Amino acid sequence: PVDESIKEQVLSLHGAKGQEGYVESVAQCLKEAQARADWRPVGIF
């Protein structure tokens, strides 16, 4: 689960060039997760 210990690391993630628009930015996702408790954002390790 994304918490303060991995948040900055997770925010640095992005897809490859040409994949823009396929998924919202991690920053946008985390903002949505703050606004709605139903979301569960996770880092994949």
PDB file of all heavy atoms in Angstrom:
ATOM      1  N   PRO A   1       0.829  -1.207   0.000  1.00  0.00           N
ATOM      2  CA  PRO A   1       0.000   0.000   0.000  1.00  0.00           C
ATOM      3  C   PRO A   1       0.866   1.261   0.000  1.00  0.00           C
ATOM      4  O   PRO A   1       1.881   1.333   0.707  1.00  0.00           O
ATOM      5  CB  PRO A   1      -0.802  -0.124   1.296  1.00  0.00           C
ATOM      6  CG  PRO A   1      -0.841  -1.590   1.575  1.00  0.00           C
ATOM      7  CD  PRO A   1       0.489  -2.114   1.102  1.00  0.00           C
ATOM      8  N   VAL A   2       0.455   2.229  -0.804  1.00  0.00           N
ATOM      9  CA  VAL A   2       1.212   3.475  -0.894  1.00  0.00           C
ATOM     10  C   VAL A   2       0.963   4.282   0.381  1.00  0.00           C
ATOM     11  O   VAL A   2      -0.172   4.606   0.717  1.00  0.00           O
ATOM     12  CB  VAL A   2       0.815   4.290  -2.139  1.00  0.00           C
ATOM     13  CG1 VAL A   2       1.542   5.634  -2.161  1.00  0.00           C
ATOM     14  CG2 VAL A   2       1.112   3.505  -3.408  1.00  0.00           C
ATOM     15  N   ASP A   3       2.045   4.547   1.080  1.00  0.00           N
ATOM     16  CA  ASP A   3       2.014   5.431   2.247  1.00  0.00           C
ATOM     17  C   ASP A   3       3.200   6.379   2.123  1.00  0.00           C
ATOM     18  O   ASP A   3       3.902   6.383   1.111  1.00  0.00           O
ATOM     19  CB  ASP A   3       2.017   4.634   3.558  1.00  0.00           C
ATOM     20  CG  ASP A   3       3.282   3.792   3.741  1.00  0.00           C
ATOM     21  OD1 ASP A   3       4.289   4.008   3.013  1.00  0.00           O
ATOM     22  OD2 ASP A   3       3.287   2.921   4.629  1.00  0.00           O
ATOM     23  N   GLU A   4       3.435   7.162   3.139  1.00  0.00           N
ATOM     24  CA  GLU A   4       4.505   8.171   3.067  1.00  0.00           C
ATOM     25  C   GLU A   4       5.885   7.555   2.843  1.00  0.00           C
ATOM     26  O   GLU A   4       6.758   8.191   2.257  1.00  0.00           O
ATOM     27  CB  GLU A   4       4.504   9.038   4.334  1.00  0.00           C
ATOM     28  CG  GLU A   4       3.299   9.966   4.428  1.00  0.00           C
ATOM     29  CD  GLU A   4       3.136  10.892   3.226  1.00  0.00           C
ATOM     30  OE1 GLU A   4       4.137  11.472   2.749  1.00  0.00           O
ATOM     31  OE2 GLU A   4       1.993  11.021   2.741  1.00  0.00           O
ATOM     32  N   SER A   5       6.086   6.306   3.277  1.00  0.00           N
ATOM     33  CA  SER A   5       7.408   5.683   3.141  1.00  0.00           C
ATOM     34  C   SER A   5       7.780   5.369   1.691  1.00  0.00           C
ATOM     35  O   SER A   5       8.967   5.283   1.374  1.00  0.00           O
ATOM     36  CB  SER A   5       7.499   4.417   3.992  1.00  0.00           C
ATOM     37  OG  SER A   5       6.677   3.394   3.472  1.00  0.00           O
ATOM     38  N   ILE A   6       6.771   5.191   0.813  1.00  0.00           N
ATOM     39  CA  ILE A   6       7.083   4.897  -0.599  1.00  0.00           C
ATOM     40  C   ILE A   6       6.456   5.895  -1.561  1.00  0.00           C
ATOM     41  O   ILE A   6       6.631   5.773  -2.775  1.00  0.00           O
ATOM     42  CB  ILE A   6       6.678   3.455  -0.989  1.00  0.00           C
ATOM     43  CG1 ILE A   6       5.159   3.253  -0.908  1.00  0.00           C
ATOM     44  CG2 ILE A   6       7.432   2.426  -0.162  1.00  0.00           C
ATOM     45  CD1 ILE A   6       4.678   1.955  -1.537  1.00  0.00           C
ATOM     46  N   LYS A   7       5.758   6.880  -1.039  1.00  0.00           N
ATOM     47  CA  LYS A   7       5.005   7.802  -1.899  1.00  0.00           C
ATOM     48  C   LYS A   7       5.893   8.495  -2.940  1.00  0.00           C
ATOM     49  O   LYS A   7       5.551   8.517  -4.132  1.00  0.00           O
ATOM     50  CB  LYS A   7       4.290   8.848  -1.049  1.00  0.00           C
ATOM     51  CG  LYS A   7       3.423   9.784  -1.860  1.00  0.00           C
ATOM     52  CD  LYS A   7       2.687  10.752  -0.952  1.00  0.00           C
ATOM     53  CE  LYS A   7       1.825  11.698  -1.766  1.00  0.00           C
ATOM     54  NZ  LYS A   7       1.100  12.647  -0.892  1.00  0.00           N
ATOM     55  N   GLU A   8       7.006   9.056  -2.535  1.00  0.00           N
ATOM     56  CA  GLU A   8       7.870   9.774  -3.495  1.00  0.00           C
ATOM     57  C   GLU A   8       8.417   8.841  -4.555  1.00  0.00           C
ATOM     58  O   GLU A   8       8.493   9.199  -5.733  1.00  0.00           O
ATOM     59  CB  GLU A   8       9.002  10.503  -2.759  1.00  0.00           C
ATOM     60  CG  GLU A   8       8.534  11.690  -1.944  1.00  0.00           C
ATOM     61  CD  GLU A   8       7.741  12.717  -2.744  1.00  0.00           C
ATOM     62  OE1 GLU A   8       8.173  13.068  -3.872  1.00  0.00           O
ATOM     63  OE2 GLU A   8       6.681  13.143  -2.259  1.00  0.00           O
ATOM     64  N   GLN A   9       8.773   7.649  -4.150  1.00  0.00           N
ATOM     65  CA  GLN A   9       9.283   6.653  -5.093  1.00  0.00           C
ATOM     66  C   GLN A   9       8.196   6.298  -6.117  1.00  0.00           C
ATOM     67  O   GLN A   9       8.456   6.240  -7.319  1.00  0.00           O
ATOM     68  CB  GLN A   9       9.724   5.420  -4.301  1.00  0.00           C
ATOM     69  CG  GLN A   9      10.552   4.436  -5.053  1.00  0.00           C
ATOM     70  CD  GLN A   9      10.982   3.254  -4.182  1.00  0.00           C
ATOM     71  OE1 GLN A   9      10.606   3.115  -3.024  1.00  0.00           O
ATOM     72  NE2 GLN A   9      11.770   2.377  -4.763  1.00  0.00           N
ATOM     73  N   VAL A  10       6.979   6.096  -5.645  1.00  0.00           N
ATOM     74  CA  VAL A  10       5.859   5.744  -6.519  1.00  0.00           C
ATOM     75  C   VAL A  10       5.525   6.906  -7.464  1.00  0.00           C
ATOM     76  O   VAL A  10       5.219   6.693  -8.639  1.00  0.00           O
ATOM     77  CB  VAL A  10       4.634   5.321  -5.678  1.00  0.00           C
ATOM     78  CG1 VAL A  10       3.389   5.200  -6.528  1.00  0.00           C
ATOM     79  CG2 VAL A  10       4.911   4.005  -4.959  1.00  0.00           C
ATOM     80  N   LEU A  11       5.600   8.129  -6.953  1.00  0.00           N
ATOM     81  CA  LEU A  11       5.296   9.294  -7.788  1.00  0.00           C
ATOM     82  C   LEU A  11       6.262   9.450  -8.964  1.00  0.00           C
ATOM     83  O   LEU A  11       5.938  10.099  -9.954  1.00  0.00           O
ATOM     84  CB  LEU A  11       5.292  10.570  -6.942  1.00  0.00           C
ATOM     85  CG  LEU A  11       4.039  10.781  -6.104  1.00  0.00           C
ATOM     86  CD1 LEU A  11       4.258  11.912  -5.099  1.00  0.00           C
ATOM     87  CD2 LEU A  11       2.837  11.063  -6.984  1.00  0.00           C
ATOM     88  N   SER A  12       7.431   8.849  -8.872  1.00  0.00           N
ATOM     89  CA  SER A  12       8.415   8.966  -9.959  1.00  0.00           C
ATOM     90  C   SER A  12       8.132   8.010 -11.118  1.00  0.00           C
ATOM     91  O   SER A  12       8.773   8.095 -12.166  1.00  0.00           O
ATOM     92  CB  SER A  12       9.823   8.712  -9.417  1.00  0.00           C
ATOM     93  OG  SER A  12       9.994   7.336  -9.101  1.00  0.00           O
ATOM     94  N   LEU A  13       7.174   7.113 -10.956  1.00  0.00           N
ATOM     95  CA  LEU A  13       6.877   6.122 -12.000  1.00  0.00           C
ATOM     96  C   LEU A  13       6.151   6.735 -13.195  1.00  0.00           C
ATOM     97  O   LEU A  13       5.321   7.621 -13.036  1.00  0.00           O
ATOM     98  CB  LEU A  13       6.000   5.005 -11.438  1.00  0.00           C
ATOM     99  CG  LEU A  13       6.591   4.141 -10.343  1.00  0.00           C
ATOM    100  CD1 LEU A  13       5.533   3.185  -9.814  1.00  0.00           C
ATOM    101  CD2 LEU A  13       7.801   3.379 -10.838  1.00  0.00           C
ATOM    102  N   HIS A  14       6.455   6.222 -14.360  1.00  0.00           N
ATOM    103  CA  HIS A  14       5.738   6.604 -15.580  1.00  0.00           C
ATOM    104  C   HIS A  14       5.918   5.505 -16.615  1.00  0.00           C
ATOM    105  O   HIS A  14       6.887   4.740 -16.565  1.00  0.00           O
ATOM    106  CB  HIS A  14       6.230   7.948 -16.137  1.00  0.00           C
ATOM    107  CG  HIS A  14       7.695   7.961 -16.427  1.00  0.00           C
ATOM    108  ND1 HIS A  14       8.212   7.496 -17.606  1.00  0.00           N
ATOM    109  CD2 HIS A  14       8.749   8.366 -15.683  1.00  0.00           C
ATOM    110  CE1 HIS A  14       9.533   7.624 -17.582  1.00  0.00           C
ATOM    111  NE2 HIS A  14       9.883   8.140 -16.427  1.00  0.00           N
ATOM    112  N   GLY A  15       4.975   5.421 -17.529  1.00  0.00           N
ATOM    113  CA  GLY A  15       5.062   4.446 -18.607  1.00  0.00           C
ATOM    114  C   GLY A  15       6.054   4.888 -19.655  1.00  0.00           C
ATOM    115  O   GLY A  15       6.701   5.935 -19.538  1.00  0.00           O
ATOM    116  N   ALA A  16       6.155   4.094 -20.696  1.00  0.00           N
ATOM    117  CA  ALA A  16       7.077   4.389 -21.791  1.00  0.00           C
ATOM    118  C   ALA A  16       6.500   5.468 -22.704  1.00  0.00           C
ATOM    119  O   ALA A  16       5.292   5.712 -22.733  1.00  0.00           O
ATOM    120  CB  ALA A  16       7.349   3.119 -22.594  1.00  0.00           C
ATOM    121  N   LYS A  17       7.381   6.088 -23.458  1.00  0.00           N
ATOM    122  CA  LYS A  17       6.957   7.074 -24.444  1.00  0.00           C
ATOM    123  C   LYS A  17       5.965   6.410 -25.398  1.00  0.00           C
ATOM    124  O   LYS A  17       6.147   5.277 -25.817  1.00  0.00           O
ATOM    125  CB  LYS A  17       8.171   7.587 -25.212  1.00  0.00           C
ATOM    126  CG  LYS A  17       7.875   8.760 -26.118  1.00  0.00           C
ATOM    127  CD  LYS A  17       9.179   9.365 -26.623  1.00  0.00           C
ATOM    128  CE  LYS A  17       8.929  10.528 -27.550  1.00  0.00           C
ATOM    129  NZ  LYS A  17       8.431  11.723 -26.906  1.00  0.00           N
ATOM    130  N   GLY A  18       4.872   7.125 -25.671  1.00  0.00           N
ATOM    131  CA  GLY A  18       3.822   6.588 -26.531  1.00  0.00           C
ATOM    132  C   GLY A  18       2.683   5.960 -25.742  1.00  0.00           C
ATOM    133  O   GLY A  18       1.645   5.646 -26.298  1.00  0.00           O
ATOM    134  N   GLN A  19       2.891   5.778 -24.438  1.00  0.00           N
ATOM    135  CA  GLN A  19       1.843   5.191 -23.601  1.00  0.00           C
ATOM    136  C   GLN A  19       1.058   6.260 -22.836  1.00  0.00           C
ATOM    137  O   GLN A  19       0.161   5.924 -22.070  1.00  0.00           O
ATOM    138  CB  GLN A  19       2.445   4.187 -22.614  1.00  0.00           C
ATOM    139  CG  GLN A  19       3.048   2.987 -23.287  1.00  0.00           C
ATOM    140  CD  GLN A  19       3.749   2.048 -22.324  1.00  0.00           C
ATOM    141  OE1 GLN A  19       4.166   2.437 -21.237  1.00  0.00           O
ATOM    142  NE2 GLN A  19       3.900   0.809 -22.729  1.00  0.00           N
ATOM    143  N   GLU A  20       1.386   7.512 -23.073  1.00  0.00           N
ATOM    144  CA  GLU A  20       0.658   8.587 -22.414  1.00  0.00           C
ATOM    145  C   GLU A  20      -0.818   8.479 -22.787  1.00  0.00           C
ATOM    146  O   GLU A  20      -1.161   8.162 -23.908  1.00  0.00           O
ATOM    147  CB  GLU A  20       1.191   9.968 -22.854  1.00  0.00           C
ATOM    148  CG  GLU A  20       2.668  10.186 -22.632  1.00  0.00           C
ATOM    149  CD  GLU A  20       3.558   9.700 -23.772  1.00  0.00           C
ATOM    150  OE1 GLU A  20       3.058   9.072 -24.727  1.00  0.00           O
ATOM    151  OE2 GLU A  20       4.771   9.942 -23.696  1.00  0.00           O
ATOM    152  N   GLY A  21      -1.672   8.727 -21.842  1.00  0.00           N
ATOM    153  CA  GLY A  21      -3.096   8.674 -22.108  1.00  0.00           C
ATOM    154  C   GLY A  21      -3.719   7.312 -21.888  1.00  0.00           C
ATOM    155  O   GLY A  21      -4.937   7.177 -21.889  1.00  0.00           O
ATOM    156  N   TYR A  22      -2.899   6.281 -21.693  1.00  0.00           N
ATOM    157  CA  TYR A  22      -3.445   4.959 -21.423  1.00  0.00           C
ATOM    158  C   TYR A  22      -3.847   4.809 -19.959  1.00  0.00           C
ATOM    159  O   TYR A  22      -4.734   4.029 -19.645  1.00  0.00           O
ATOM    160  CB  TYR A  22      -2.448   3.863 -21.790  1.00  0.00           C
ATOM    161  CG  TYR A  22      -2.270   3.675 -23.283  1.00  0.00           C
ATOM    162  CD1 TYR A  22      -1.123   3.089 -23.768  1.00  0.00           C
ATOM    163  CD2 TYR A  22      -3.241   4.051 -24.197  1.00  0.00           C
ATOM    164  CE1 TYR A  22      -0.941   2.880 -25.132  1.00  0.00           C
ATOM    165  CE2 TYR A  22      -3.068   3.856 -25.562  1.00  0.00           C
ATOM    166  CZ  TYR A  22      -1.914   3.268 -26.013  1.00  0.00           C
ATOM    167  OH  TYR A  22      -1.736   3.067 -27.362  1.00  0.00           O
ATOM    168  N   VAL A  23      -3.171   5.513 -19.080  1.00  0.00           N
ATOM    169  CA  VAL A  23      -3.501   5.471 -17.654  1.00  0.00           C
ATOM    170  C   VAL A  23      -3.185   6.844 -17.063  1.00  0.00           C
ATOM    171  O   VAL A  23      -2.254   7.520 -17.507  1.00  0.00           O
ATOM    172  CB  VAL A  23      -2.724   4.342 -16.920  1.00  0.00           C
ATOM    173  CG1 VAL A  23      -1.234   4.597 -16.882  1.00  0.00           C
ATOM    174  CG2 VAL A  23      -3.258   4.121 -15.522  1.00  0.00           C
ATOM    175  N   GLU A  24      -3.972   7.255 -16.086  1.00  0.00           N
ATOM    176  CA  GLU A  24      -3.749   8.530 -15.438  1.00  0.00           C
ATOM    177  C   GLU A  24      -2.388   8.522 -14.747  1.00  0.00           C
ATOM    178  O   GLU A  24      -1.849   7.466 -14.420  1.00  0.00           O
ATOM    179  CB  GLU A  24      -4.852   8.801 -14.404  1.00  0.00           C
ATOM    180  CG  GLU A  24      -6.223   9.045 -15.012  1.00  0.00           C
ATOM    181  CD  GLU A  24      -6.981   7.777 -15.398  1.00  0.00           C
ATOM    182  OE1 GLU A  24      -6.393   6.677 -15.367  1.00  0.00           O
ATOM    183  OE2 GLU A  24      -8.165   7.903 -15.743  1.00  0.00           O
ATOM    184  N   SER A  25      -1.849   9.701 -14.495  1.00  0.00           N
ATOM    185  CA  SER A  25      -0.571   9.779 -13.791  1.00  0.00           C
ATOM    186  C   SER A  25      -0.733   9.238 -12.379  1.00  0.00           C
ATOM    187  O   SER A  25      -1.835   9.232 -11.813  1.00  0.00           O
ATOM    188  CB  SER A  25      -0.083  11.227 -13.735  1.00  0.00           C
ATOM    189  OG  SER A  25      -0.894  11.972 -12.838  1.00  0.00           O
ATOM    190  N   VAL A  26       0.370   8.794 -11.804  1.00  0.00           N
ATOM    191  CA  VAL A  26       0.336   8.307 -10.428  1.00  0.00           C
ATOM    192  C   VAL A  26      -0.125   9.423  -9.500  1.00  0.00           C
ATOM    193  O   VAL A  26      -0.918   9.185  -8.583  1.00  0.00           O
ATOM    194  CB  VAL A  26       1.711   7.748 -10.010  1.00  0.00           C
ATOM    195  CG1 VAL A  26       1.715   7.377  -8.527  1.00  0.00           C
ATOM    196  CG2 VAL A  26       2.083   6.536 -10.868  1.00  0.00           C
ATOM    197  N   ALA A  27       0.323  10.650  -9.748  1.00  0.00           N
ATOM    198  CA  ALA A  27      -0.104  11.776  -8.915  1.00  0.00           C
ATOM    199  C   ALA A  27      -1.620  11.938  -8.944  1.00  0.00           C
ATOM    200  O   ALA A  27      -2.254  12.135  -7.898  1.00  0.00           O
ATOM    201  CB  ALA A  27       0.588  13.062  -9.365  1.00  0.00           C
ATOM    202  N   GLN A  28      -2.222  11.842 -10.123  1.00  0.00           N
ATOM    203  CA  GLN A  28      -3.678  11.941 -10.253  1.00  0.00           C
ATOM    204  C   GLN A  28      -4.362  10.797  -9.512  1.00  0.00           C
ATOM    205  O   GLN A  28      -5.365  10.990  -8.832  1.00  0.00           O
ATOM    206  CB  GLN A  28      -4.100  11.953 -11.724  1.00  0.00           C
ATOM    207  CG  GLN A  28      -5.606  12.004 -11.934  1.00  0.00           C
ATOM    208  CD  GLN A  28      -6.249  13.274 -11.417  1.00  0.00           C
ATOM    209  OE1 GLN A  28      -5.653  14.338 -11.440  1.00  0.00           O
ATOM    210  NE2 GLN A  28      -7.474  13.159 -10.932  1.00  0.00           N
ATOM    211  N   CYS A  29      -3.827   9.600  -9.643  1.00  0.00           N
ATOM    212  CA  CYS A  29      -4.398   8.437  -8.962  1.00  0.00           C
ATOM    213  C   CYS A  29      -4.373   8.624  -7.446  1.00  0.00           C
ATOM    214  O   CYS A  29      -5.373   8.371  -6.765  1.00  0.00           O
ATOM    215  CB  CYS A  29      -3.631   7.173  -9.334  1.00  0.00           C
ATOM    216  SG  CYS A  29      -3.778   6.670 -11.069  1.00  0.00           S
ATOM    217  N   LEU A  30      -3.250   9.088  -6.927  1.00  0.00           N
ATOM    218  CA  LEU A  30      -3.143   9.266  -5.476  1.00  0.00           C
ATOM    219  C   LEU A  30      -4.072  10.365  -4.982  1.00  0.00           C
ATOM    220  O   LEU A  30      -4.638  10.261  -3.885  1.00  0.00           O
ATOM    221  CB  LEU A  30      -1.700   9.538  -5.081  1.00  0.00           C
ATOM    222  CG  LEU A  30      -0.722   8.376  -5.319  1.00  0.00           C
ATOM    223  CD1 LEU A  30       0.686   8.762  -4.871  1.00  0.00           C
ATOM    224  CD2 LEU A  30      -1.185   7.098  -4.651  1.00  0.00           C
ATOM    225  N   LYS A  31      -4.254  11.392  -5.798  1.00  0.00           N
ATOM    226  CA  LYS A  31      -5.195  12.457  -5.444  1.00  0.00           C
ATOM    227  C   LYS A  31      -6.615  11.894  -5.359  1.00  0.00           C
ATOM    228  O   LYS A  31      -7.362  12.197  -4.416  1.00  0.00           O
ATOM    229  CB  LYS A  31      -5.115  13.580  -6.479  1.00  0.00           C
ATOM    230  CG  LYS A  31      -6.003  14.760  -6.181  1.00  0.00           C
ATOM    231  CD  LYS A  31      -5.823  15.845  -7.232  1.00  0.00           C
ATOM    232  CE  LYS A  31      -6.763  17.014  -6.950  1.00  0.00           C
ATOM    233  NZ  LYS A  31      -6.652  18.043  -7.985  1.00  0.00           N
ATOM    234  N   GLU A  32      -6.975  11.060  -6.325  1.00  0.00           N
ATOM    235  CA  GLU A  32      -8.296  10.434  -6.312  1.00  0.00           C
ATOM    236  C   GLU A  32      -8.451   9.501  -5.110  1.00  0.00           C
ATOM    237  O   GLU A  32      -9.517   9.436  -4.504  1.00  0.00           O
ATOM    238  CB  GLU A  32      -8.532   9.665  -7.610  1.00  0.00           C
ATOM    239  CG  GLU A  32      -8.716  10.566  -8.804  1.00  0.00           C
ATOM    240  CD  GLU A  32      -8.876   9.792 -10.105  1.00  0.00           C
ATOM    241  OE1 GLU A  32      -9.312   8.618 -10.065  1.00  0.00           O
ATOM    242  OE2 GLU A  32      -8.572  10.359 -11.157  1.00  0.00           O
ATOM    243  N   ALA A  33      -7.386   8.802  -4.760  1.00  0.00           N
ATOM    244  CA  ALA A  33      -7.437   7.886  -3.619  1.00  0.00           C
ATOM    245  C   ALA A  33      -7.627   8.635  -2.304  1.00  0.00           C
ATOM    246  O   ALA A  33      -8.274   8.131  -1.387  1.00  0.00           O
ATOM    247  CB  ALA A  33      -6.177   7.036  -3.567  1.00  0.00           C
ATOM    248  N   GLN A  34      -7.094   9.845  -2.221  1.00  0.00           N
ATOM    249  CA  GLN A  34      -7.304  10.663  -1.015  1.00  0.00           C
ATOM    250  C   GLN A  34      -8.754  11.098  -0.901  1.00  0.00           C
ATOM    251  O   GLN A  34      -9.281  11.224   0.196  1.00  0.00           O
ATOM    252  CB  GLN A  34      -6.405  11.900  -1.039  1.00  0.00           C
ATOM    253  CG  GLN A  34      -4.980  11.621  -0.650  1.00  0.00           C
ATOM    254  CD  GLN A  34      -4.191  12.914  -0.548  1.00  0.00           C
ATOM    255  OE1 GLN A  34      -4.266  13.781  -1.426  1.00  0.00           O
ATOM    256  NE2 GLN A  34      -3.432  13.031   0.513  1.00  0.00           N
ATOM    257  N   ALA A  35      -9.401  11.317  -2.037  1.00  0.00           N
ATOM    258  CA  ALA A  35     -10.773  11.814  -2.045  1.00  0.00           C
ATOM    259  C   ALA A  35     -11.807  10.704  -1.877  1.00  0.00           C
ATOM    260  O   ALA A  35     -12.946  10.983  -1.526  1.00  0.00           O
ATOM    261  CB  ALA A  35     -11.036  12.563  -3.355  1.00  0.00           C
ATOM    262  N   ARG A  36     -11.415   9.469  -2.132  1.00  0.00           N
ATOM    263  CA  ARG A  36     -12.377   8.366  -2.054  1.00  0.00           C
ATOM    264  C   ARG A  36     -11.696   7.141  -1.441  1.00  0.00           C
ATOM    265  O   ARG A  36     -10.810   6.546  -2.040  1.00  0.00           O
ATOM    266  CB  ARG A  36     -12.896   8.047  -3.446  1.00  0.00           C
ATOM    267  CG  ARG A  36     -13.967   6.995  -3.430  1.00  0.00           C
ATOM    268  CD  ARG A  36     -14.654   6.846  -4.754  1.00  0.00           C
ATOM    269  NE  ARG A  36     -15.633   5.760  -4.634  1.00  0.00           N
ATOM    270  CZ  ARG A  36     -16.651   5.610  -5.412  1.00  0.00           C
ATOM    271  NH1 ARG A  36     -16.864   6.457  -6.391  1.00  0.00           N
ATOM    272  NH2 ARG A  36     -17.474   4.603  -5.249  1.00  0.00           N
ATOM    273  N   ALA A  37     -12.154   6.754  -0.273  1.00  0.00           N
ATOM    274  CA  ALA A  37     -11.541   5.672   0.491  1.00  0.00           C
ATOM    275  C   ALA A  37     -11.662   4.302  -0.176  1.00  0.00           C
ATOM    276  O   ALA A  37     -10.979   3.359   0.228  1.00  0.00           O
ATOM    277  CB  ALA A  37     -12.132   5.628   1.893  1.00  0.00           C
ATOM    278  N   ASP A  38     -12.526   4.173  -1.200  1.00  0.00           N
ATOM    279  CA  ASP A  38     -12.687   2.887  -1.889  1.00  0.00           C
ATOM    280  C   ASP A  38     -11.428   2.469  -2.646  1.00  0.00           C
ATOM    281  O   ASP A  38     -11.236   1.296  -2.930  1.00  0.00           O
ATOM    282  CB  ASP A  38     -13.842   2.960  -2.899  1.00  0.00           C
ATOM    283  CG  ASP A  38     -15.173   3.257  -2.241  1.00  0.00           C
ATOM    284  OD1 ASP A  38     -15.359   2.885  -1.076  1.00  0.00           O
ATOM    285  OD2 ASP A  38     -16.024   3.875  -2.908  1.00  0.00           O
ATOM    286  N   TRP A  39     -10.598   3.428  -3.016  1.00  0.00           N
ATOM    287  CA  TRP A  39      -9.387   3.149  -3.792  1.00  0.00           C
ATOM    288  C   TRP A  39      -8.304   2.551  -2.909  1.00  0.00           C
ATOM    289  O   TRP A  39      -8.096   2.987  -1.790  1.00  0.00           O
ATOM    290  CB  TRP A  39      -8.831   4.423  -4.417  1.00  0.00           C
ATOM    291  CG  TRP A  39      -9.592   4.959  -5.575  1.00  0.00           C
ATOM    292  CD1 TRP A  39     -10.163   6.190  -5.674  1.00  0.00           C
ATOM    293  CD2 TRP A  39      -9.828   4.320  -6.825  1.00  0.00           C
ATOM    294  NE1 TRP A  39     -10.746   6.348  -6.901  1.00  0.00           N
ATOM    295  CE2 TRP A  39     -10.554   5.206  -7.626  1.00  0.00           C
ATOM    296  CE3 TRP A  39      -9.500   3.074  -7.341  1.00  0.00           C
ATOM    297  CZ2 TRP A  39     -10.957   4.902  -8.919  1.00  0.00           C
ATOM    298  CZ3 TRP A  39      -9.904   2.760  -8.627  1.00  0.00           C
ATOM    299  CH2 TRP A  39     -10.619   3.673  -9.403  1.00  0.00           C
ATOM    300  N   ARG A  40      -7.569   1.613  -3.487  1.00  0.00           N
ATOM    301  CA  ARG A  40      -6.412   1.021  -2.814  1.00  0.00           C
ATOM    302  C   ARG A  40      -5.211   1.126  -3.755  1.00  0.00           C
ATOM    303  O   ARG A  40      -5.006   0.261  -4.609  1.00  0.00           O
ATOM    304  CB  ARG A  40      -6.697  -0.428  -2.449  1.00  0.00           C
ATOM    305  CG  ARG A  40      -7.837  -0.516  -1.448  1.00  0.00           C
ATOM    306  CD  ARG A  40      -7.788  -1.757  -0.647  1.00  0.00           C
ATOM    307  NE  ARG A  40      -8.856  -1.712   0.337  1.00  0.00           N
ATOM    308  CZ  ARG A  40      -9.569  -2.742   0.689  1.00  0.00           C
ATOM    309  NH1 ARG A  40      -9.328  -3.913   0.153  1.00  0.00           N
ATOM    310  NH2 ARG A  40     -10.509  -2.621   1.597  1.00  0.00           N
ATOM    311  N   PRO A  41      -4.412   2.173  -3.608  1.00  0.00           N
ATOM    312  CA  PRO A  41      -3.213   2.300  -4.440  1.00  0.00           C
ATOM    313  C   PRO A  41      -2.067   1.472  -3.862  1.00  0.00           C
ATOM    314  O   PRO A  41      -1.848   1.476  -2.643  1.00  0.00           O
ATOM    315  CB  PRO A  41      -2.903   3.797  -4.384  1.00  0.00           C
ATOM    316  CG  PRO A  41      -3.500   4.264  -3.094  1.00  0.00           C
ATOM    317  CD  PRO A  41      -4.660   3.369  -2.799  1.00  0.00           C
ATOM    318  N   VAL A  42      -1.363   0.755  -4.731  1.00  0.00           N
ATOM    319  CA  VAL A  42      -0.251  -0.086  -4.294  1.00  0.00           C
ATOM    320  C   VAL A  42       0.951   0.071  -5.212  1.00  0.00           C
ATOM    321  O   VAL A  42       0.810   0.246  -6.422  1.00  0.00           O
ATOM    322  CB  VAL A  42      -0.651  -1.586  -4.224  1.00  0.00           C
ATOM    323  CG1 VAL A  42      -1.698  -1.828  -3.149  1.00  0.00           C
ATOM    324  CG2 VAL A  42      -1.118  -2.122  -5.568  1.00  0.00           C
ATOM    325  N   GLY A  43       2.117  -0.007  -4.605  1.00  0.00           N
ATOM    326  CA  GLY A  43       3.353  -0.115  -5.367  1.00  0.00           C
ATOM    327  C   GLY A  43       3.575  -1.586  -5.663  1.00  0.00           C
ATOM    328  O   GLY A  43       3.294  -2.456  -4.823  1.00  0.00           O
ATOM    329  N   ILE A  44       4.065  -1.886  -6.847  1.00  0.00           N
ATOM    330  CA  ILE A  44       4.349  -3.270  -7.238  1.00  0.00           C
ATOM    331  C   ILE A  44       5.861  -3.463  -7.144  1.00  0.00           C
ATOM    332  O   ILE A  44       6.626  -2.764  -7.828  1.00  0.00           O
ATOM    333  CB  ILE A  44       3.863  -3.551  -8.670  1.00  0.00           C
ATOM    334  CG1 ILE A  44       2.360  -3.268  -8.793  1.00  0.00           C
ATOM    335  CG2 ILE A  44       4.184  -4.998  -9.078  1.00  0.00           C
ATOM    336  CD1 ILE A  44       1.839  -3.263 -10.232  1.00  0.00           C
ATOM    337  N   PHE A  45       6.281  -4.398  -6.300  1.00  0.00           N
ATOM    338  CA  PHE A  45       7.699  -4.622  -6.039  1.00  0.00           C
ATOM    339  C   PHE A  45       8.111  -6.025  -6.452  1.00  0.00           C
ATOM    340  O   PHE A  45       7.393  -6.996  -6.211  1.00  0.00           O
ATOM    341  CB  PHE A  45       7.998  -4.444  -4.548  1.00  0.00           C
ATOM    342  CG  PHE A  45       7.986  -3.018  -4.095  1.00  0.00           C
ATOM    343  CD1 PHE A  45       6.795  -2.379  -3.798  1.00  0.00           C
ATOM    344  CD2 PHE A  45       9.170  -2.308  -3.967  1.00  0.00           C
ATOM    345  CE1 PHE A  45       6.769  -1.058  -3.384  1.00  0.00           C
ATOM    346  CE2 PHE A  45       9.167  -0.990  -3.552  1.00  0.00           C
ATOM    347  CZ  PHE A  45       7.969  -0.363  -3.265  1.00  0.00           C
TER     348      PHE A  45
END
